C-alpha atoms as a PDB file:
ATOM      1  CA  GLN A   1      -4.376 -21.669  -4.613  1.00  0.00           C
ATOM      2  CA  LEU A   2      -3.384 -18.213  -5.830  1.00  0.00           C
ATOM      3  CA  GLU A   3      -4.575 -15.242  -3.769  1.00  0.00           C
ATOM      4  CA  LEU A   4      -5.432 -12.662  -6.438  1.00  0.00           C
ATOM      5  CA  GLU A   5      -6.368  -9.959  -3.923  1.00  0.00           C
ATOM      6  CA  LYS A   6      -2.651  -9.451  -3.235  1.00  0.00           C
ATOM      7  CA  PHE A   7      -2.143  -8.320  -6.832  1.00  0.00           C
ATOM      8  CA  ILE A   8      -4.838  -5.602  -6.836  1.00  0.00           C
ATOM      9  CA  THR A   9      -2.983  -2.295  -6.688  1.00  0.00           C
ATOM     10  CA  HIS A  10      -5.820   0.183  -7.275  1.00  0.00           C
ATOM     11  CA  GLN A  11      -9.611   0.330  -7.153  1.00  0.00           C
ATOM     12  CA  LEU A  12     -11.139   3.216  -9.075  1.00  0.00           C
ATOM     13  CA  PRO A  13     -14.648   4.323 -10.060  1.00  0.00           C
ATOM     14  CA  PHE A  14     -15.623   4.113 -13.723  1.00  0.00           C
ATOM     15  CA  SER A  15     -15.372   7.904 -13.950  1.00  0.00           C
ATOM     16  CA  GLU A  16     -11.583   7.511 -13.479  1.00  0.00           C
ATOM     17  CA  ILE A  17     -11.041   4.763 -16.055  1.00  0.00           C
ATOM     18  CA  ASN A  18      -8.484   6.882 -17.916  1.00  0.00           C
ATOM     19  CA  LYS A  19      -6.426   7.127 -14.730  1.00  0.00           C
ATOM     20  CA  ALA A  20      -6.486   3.316 -14.488  1.00  0.00           C
ATOM     21  CA  PHE A  21      -5.070   3.023 -18.015  1.00  0.00           C
ATOM     22  CA  ASP A  22      -2.415   5.647 -17.252  1.00  0.00           C
ATOM     23  CA  LEU A  23      -1.329   3.753 -14.126  1.00  0.00           C
ATOM     24  CA  MET A  24      -1.004   0.519 -16.080  1.00  0.00           C
ATOM     25  CA  LEU A  25       0.881   2.135 -18.960  1.00  0.00           C
ATOM     26  CA  LYS A  26       3.343   3.717 -16.512  1.00  0.00           C
ATOM     27  CA  GLY A  27       3.840   0.367 -14.819  1.00  0.00           C
ATOM     28  CA  GLU A  28       2.446   1.714 -11.542  1.00  0.00           C
ATOM     29  CA  GLY A  29      -0.638  -0.482 -11.513  1.00  0.00           C
ATOM     30  CA  LEU A  30      -0.344  -4.253 -11.622  1.00  0.00           C
ATOM     31  CA  ARG A  31      -4.085  -4.812 -11.535  1.00  0.00           C
ATOM     32  CA  CYS A  32      -6.607  -1.981 -11.455  1.00  0.00           C
ATOM     33  CA  ILE A  33     -10.196  -2.766 -10.569  1.00  0.00           C
ATOM     34  CA  VAL A  34     -12.738  -0.419 -12.166  1.00  0.00           C
ATOM     35  CA  ASN A  35     -16.017  -0.171 -10.263  1.00  0.00           C
ATOM     36  CA  MET A  36     -18.800   0.183 -12.827  1.00  0.00           C
ATOM     37  CA  GLU A  37     -21.136   1.855 -10.310  1.00  0.00           C
ATOM     38  CA  GLY A  38     -18.915   4.925  -9.865  1.00  0.00           C
END
């Protein structure tokens, strides 16, 4: 069984979705979770 929680590098509110894309494009975010409530 693969523990996916270990691969989550950032959790951001929806208002910061552009930051999540920037982190991924820079290679600084393996998996960014975007909270749709924020």
